[in-house]
C-alpha atoms as a PDB file:
ATOM      1  CA  MET A   1     100.080 103.738 114.633  1.00  0.00           C
ATOM      2  CA  GLU A   2     102.200 101.040 116.263  1.00  0.00           C
ATOM      3  CA  TYR A   3     100.309  98.476 114.242  1.00  0.00           C
ATOM      4  CA  ILE A   4     101.828  99.880 111.011  1.00  0.00           C
ATOM      5  CA  ILE A   5     105.352  99.125 112.245  1.00  0.00           C
ATOM      6  CA  LEU A   6     104.266  95.648 113.466  1.00  0.00           C
ATOM      7  CA  ASN A   7     102.682  94.918 110.043  1.00  0.00           C
ATOM      8  CA  LEU A   8     105.073  96.691 107.721  1.00  0.00           C
ATOM      9  CA  LEU A   9     105.722  93.582 105.619  1.00  0.00           C
ATOM     10  CA  PRO A  10     102.036  92.745 104.936  1.00  0.00           C
ATOM     11  CA  ILE A  11     101.300  96.480 104.305  1.00  0.00           C
ATOM     12  CA  ALA A  12     104.249  96.811 101.927  1.00  0.00           C
ATOM     13  CA  ALA A  13     103.224  93.608 100.113  1.00  0.00           C
ATOM     14  CA  ALA A  14      99.620  94.830  99.796  1.00  0.00           C
ATOM     15  CA  THR A  15     100.921  98.151  98.469  1.00  0.00           C
ATOM     16  CA  ALA A  16     103.201  96.516  95.906  1.00  0.00           C
ATOM     17  CA  ALA A  17     100.450  94.071  94.748  1.00  0.00           C
ATOM     18  CA  SER A  18      97.859  96.832  94.346  1.00  0.00           C
ATOM     19  CA  PHE A  19     100.355  99.067  92.530  1.00  0.00           C
ATOM     20  CA  ALA A  20     101.171  96.258  90.104  1.00  0.00           C
ATOM     21  CA  PHE A  21      97.424  95.623  89.673  1.00  0.00           C
ATOM     22  CA  GLY A  22      96.907  99.291  88.790  1.00  0.00           C
ATOM     23  CA  ALA A  23      99.659  99.156  86.215  1.00  0.00           C
ATOM     24  CA  GLY A  24      98.089  96.163  84.583  1.00  0.00           C
ATOM     25  CA  TRP A  25      94.566  97.651  84.814  1.00  0.00           C
ATOM     26  CA  TYR A  26      95.486 100.886  83.143  1.00  0.00           C
ATOM     27  CA  MET A  27      97.715  99.227  80.543  1.00  0.00           C
ATOM     28  CA  LEU A  28      94.841  97.056  79.601  1.00  0.00           C
ATOM     29  CA  LEU A  29      92.351  99.959  79.555  1.00  0.00           C
ATOM     30  CA  SER A  30      94.774 102.708  78.420  1.00  0.00           C
ATOM     31  CA  LYS A  31      92.954 103.688  75.243  1.00  0.00           C
ATOM     32  CA  PRO A  32      89.429 103.891  76.714  1.00  0.00           C
ATOM     33  CA  TRP A  33      90.802 105.608  79.845  1.00  0.00           C
ATOM     34  CA  MET A  34      92.752 108.224  77.853  1.00  0.00           C
ATOM     35  CA  GLY A  35      89.695 108.923  75.730  1.00  0.00           C
ATOM     36  CA  ALA A  36      87.389 109.237  78.715  1.00  0.00           C
ATOM     37  CA  ALA A  37      89.888 111.438  80.545  1.00  0.00           C
ATOM     38  CA  GLY A  38      90.411 113.593  77.495  1.00  0.00           C
ATOM     39  CA  LEU A  39      94.138 112.895  77.378  1.00  0.00           C
ATOM     40  CA  THR A  40      96.420 112.343  74.393  1.00  0.00           C
ATOM     41  CA  GLU A  41      99.708 110.487  74.212  1.00  0.00           C
ATOM     42  CA  ASP A  42     101.494 113.742  73.337  1.00  0.00           C
ATOM     43  CA  ARG A  43     100.117 115.449  76.459  1.00  0.00           C
ATOM     44  CA  ILE A  44     101.122 112.494  78.637  1.00  0.00           C
ATOM     45  CA  LYS A  45     104.591 112.277  77.099  1.00  0.00           C
ATOM     46  CA  GLY A  46     105.053 116.001  77.460  1.00  0.00           C
ATOM     47  CA  ALA A  47     104.416 116.066  81.173  1.00  0.00           C
ATOM     48  CA  LYS A  48     107.089 117.865  83.190  1.00  0.00           C
ATOM     49  CA  ARG A  49     107.210 115.268  85.993  1.00  0.00           C
ATOM     50  CA  PRO A  50     105.736 112.046  84.530  1.00  0.00           C
ATOM     51  CA  TRP A  51     106.865 110.073  87.572  1.00  0.00           C
ATOM     52  CA  LEU A  52     104.927 112.157  90.074  1.00  0.00           C
ATOM     53  CA  PRO A  53     101.461 110.506  89.638  1.00  0.00           C
ATOM     54  CA  PHE A  54     103.120 107.130  90.137  1.00  0.00           C
ATOM     55  CA  LEU A  55     104.752 108.262  93.382  1.00  0.00           C
ATOM     56  CA  ILE A  56     101.494 109.735  94.611  1.00  0.00           C
ATOM     57  CA  ALA A  57      99.593 106.572  93.699  1.00  0.00           C
ATOM     58  CA  PHE A  58     102.175 104.419  95.533  1.00  0.00           C
ATOM     59  CA  LEU A  59     102.062 106.537  98.664  1.00  0.00           C
ATOM     60  CA  ALA A  60      98.258 106.619  98.614  1.00  0.00           C
ATOM     61  CA  GLU A  61      98.049 102.892  98.182  1.00  0.00           C
ATOM     62  CA  PHE A  62     100.471 102.441 101.134  1.00  0.00           C
ATOM     63  CA  TRP A  63      98.192 104.583 103.293  1.00  0.00           C
ATOM     64  CA  ILE A  64      95.105 102.709 102.132  1.00  0.00           C
ATOM     65  CA  ALA A  65      96.816  99.389 102.976  1.00  0.00           C
ATOM     66  CA  ALA A  66      97.786 100.707 106.409  1.00  0.00           C
ATOM     67  CA  VAL A  67      94.238 101.866 107.156  1.00  0.00           C
ATOM     68  CA  MET A  68      92.842  98.610 105.812  1.00  0.00           C
ATOM     69  CA  ALA A  69      95.238  96.668 108.087  1.00  0.00           C
ATOM     70  CA  GLY A  70      93.973  98.657 111.059  1.00  0.00           C
ATOM     71  CA  ALA A  71      90.349  97.975 110.154  1.00  0.00           C
ATOM     72  CA  LEU A  72      91.042  94.242 109.802  1.00  0.00           C
ATOM     73  CA  ILE A  73      92.859  94.144 113.140  1.00  0.00           C
ATOM     74  CA  LEU A  74      89.869  95.743 114.868  1.00  0.00           C
ATOM     75  CA  ALA A  75      87.251  93.678 112.995  1.00  0.00           C
ATOM     76  CA  PRO A  76      85.223  91.398 115.218  1.00  0.00           C
ATOM     77  CA  PRO A  77      86.129  87.722 114.726  1.00  0.00           C
ATOM     78  CA  GLU A  78      82.534  86.454 114.869  1.00  0.00           C
ATOM     79  CA  ALA A  79      81.837  86.902 111.148  1.00  0.00           C
ATOM     80  CA  GLY A  80      85.006  85.114 110.013  1.00  0.00           C
ATOM     81  CA  ALA A  81      88.277  86.691 108.965  1.00  0.00           C
ATOM     82  CA  TRP A  82      87.764  86.472 105.170  1.00  0.00           C
ATOM     83  CA  THR A  83      84.138  87.632 105.355  1.00  0.00           C
ATOM     84  CA  MET A  84      85.248  90.646 107.385  1.00  0.00           C
ATOM     85  CA  ALA A  85      88.150  91.330 105.062  1.00  0.00           C
ATOM     86  CA  PHE A  86      86.187  91.407 101.856  1.00  0.00           C
ATOM     87  CA  GLY A  87      83.184  92.989 103.573  1.00  0.00           C
ATOM     88  CA  THR A  88      85.353  95.792 104.901  1.00  0.00           C
ATOM     89  CA  ALA A  89      86.842  96.399 101.444  1.00  0.00           C
ATOM     90  CA  LEU A  90      83.425  96.524  99.777  1.00  0.00           C
ATOM     91  CA  ILE A  91      81.887  98.762 102.420  1.00  0.00           C
ATOM     92  CA  LEU A  92      84.752 101.206 102.396  1.00  0.00           C
ATOM     93  CA  TRP A  93      84.853 101.292  98.567  1.00  0.00           C
ATOM     94  CA  SER A  94      81.074 101.709  98.177  1.00  0.00           C
ATOM     95  CA  SER A  95      80.735 104.164 101.022  1.00  0.00           C
ATOM     96  CA  PHE A  96      83.695 106.493 100.441  1.00  0.00           C
ATOM     97  CA  VAL A  97      85.477 105.925  97.141  1.00  0.00           C
ATOM     98  CA  MET A  98      82.575 105.614  94.657  1.00  0.00           C
ATOM     99  CA  PRO A  99      80.337 108.335  96.039  1.00  0.00           C
ATOM    100  CA  THR A 100      83.126 110.936  96.103  1.00  0.00           C
ATOM    101  CA  MET A 101      84.367 109.868  92.676  1.00  0.00           C
ATOM    102  CA  ILE A 102      80.802 110.047  91.231  1.00  0.00           C
ATOM    103  CA  VAL A 103      80.287 113.540  92.658  1.00  0.00           C
ATOM    104  CA  ASN A 104      83.678 114.793  91.440  1.00  0.00           C
ATOM    105  CA  HIS A 105      83.249 113.317  87.977  1.00  0.00           C
ATOM    106  CA  ARG A 106      79.739 114.744  87.614  1.00  0.00           C
ATOM    107  CA  TYR A 107      80.864 118.279  88.623  1.00  0.00           C
ATOM    108  CA  GLN A 108      83.823 118.001  86.268  1.00  0.00           C
ATOM    109  CA  MET A 109      81.453 116.799  83.554  1.00  0.00           C
ATOM    110  CA  LEU A 110      83.588 113.713  82.903  1.00  0.00           C
ATOM    111  CA  PRO A 111      82.067 110.735  81.202  1.00  0.00           C
ATOM    112  CA  TRP A 112      80.580 107.848  83.174  1.00  0.00           C
ATOM    113  CA  ARG A 113      83.044 105.567  81.397  1.00  0.00           C
ATOM    114  CA  LEU A 114      85.915 107.211  83.281  1.00  0.00           C
ATOM    115  CA  THR A 115      84.058 106.747  86.581  1.00  0.00           C
ATOM    116  CA  PHE A 116      83.621 103.045  85.881  1.00  0.00           C
ATOM    117  CA  ILE A 117      87.235 102.545  84.811  1.00  0.00           C
ATOM    118  CA  ASP A 118      88.679 104.385  87.793  1.00  0.00           C
ATOM    119  CA  GLY A 119      86.097 102.960  90.212  1.00  0.00           C
ATOM    120  CA  GLY A 120      86.869  99.435  88.985  1.00  0.00           C
ATOM    121  CA  HIS A 121      90.526 100.047  89.582  1.00  0.00           C
ATOM    122  CA  TRP A 122      89.927 101.125  93.202  1.00  0.00           C
ATOM    123  CA  LEU A 123      87.606  98.191  93.860  1.00  0.00           C
ATOM    124  CA  GLY A 124      90.376  95.884  92.636  1.00  0.00           C
ATOM    125  CA  VAL A 125      92.938  97.662  94.831  1.00  0.00           C
ATOM    126  CA  PHE A 126      90.770  97.311  97.914  1.00  0.00           C
ATOM    127  CA  LEU A 127      89.943  93.675  97.289  1.00  0.00           C
ATOM    128  CA  LEU A 128      93.562  92.733  96.466  1.00  0.00           C
ATOM    129  CA  GLN A 129      94.894  94.599  99.488  1.00  0.00           C
ATOM    130  CA  VAL A 130      92.650  92.796 101.973  1.00  0.00           C
ATOM    131  CA  ALA A 131      93.399  89.494 100.326  1.00  0.00           C
ATOM    132  CA  VAL A 132      97.192  90.063 100.721  1.00  0.00           C
ATOM    133  CA  LEU A 133      96.814  91.454 104.257  1.00  0.00           C
ATOM    134  CA  GLN A 134      94.543  88.603 105.384  1.00  0.00           C
ATOM    135  CA  GLY A 135      96.706  85.974 103.599  1.00  0.00           C
ATOM    136  CA  LEU A 136      99.938  87.124 105.187  1.00  0.00           C
ATOM    137  CA  GLY A 137      98.361  87.704 108.595  1.00  0.00           C
ATOM    138  CA  LEU A 138      98.298  90.771 110.775  1.00  0.00           C
ATOM    139  CA  LYS A 139      99.586  91.330 114.320  1.00  0.00           C
ATOM    140  CA  ALA A 140      97.551  93.397 116.720  1.00  0.00           C
ATOM    141  CA  PRO A 141      99.547  95.755 118.942  1.00  0.00           C
ATOM    142  CA  PRO A 142      99.529  94.946 122.636  1.00  0.00           C
ATOM    143  CA  GLY A 143      96.284  95.926 124.259  1.00  0.00           C
ATOM    144  CA  ALA A 144      94.309  96.045 121.033  1.00  0.00           C
END
């Protein structure tokens, strides 16, 4: 976990960028998302702790950025840094995020539209995070 301390600035920047992206994504798609999720404005406004989902999202995106940084540090250089960065994001998203989201949404009988909206958000998060991490540069810990 030493690499997280060494790369705190790029990880924090990737977290902030992806959090801002999510805000824009869901503001743009708020009506279709609310409809697909079965939410109303009254229900959202009546939430007891409306800030909690934002805190959870921020912490989750920090952890994703930290894991992504570790994956990029360990990536073999032969394929090229940017190819590995975007390839890593796409592989992790298509291998872990989408399959679990699809299974959960099907069991919960949620509409495919919600799966595509949420899945598109996470794809954007992953791609933006690797772009920020790669663009700012990462430091490998000694011996890595």
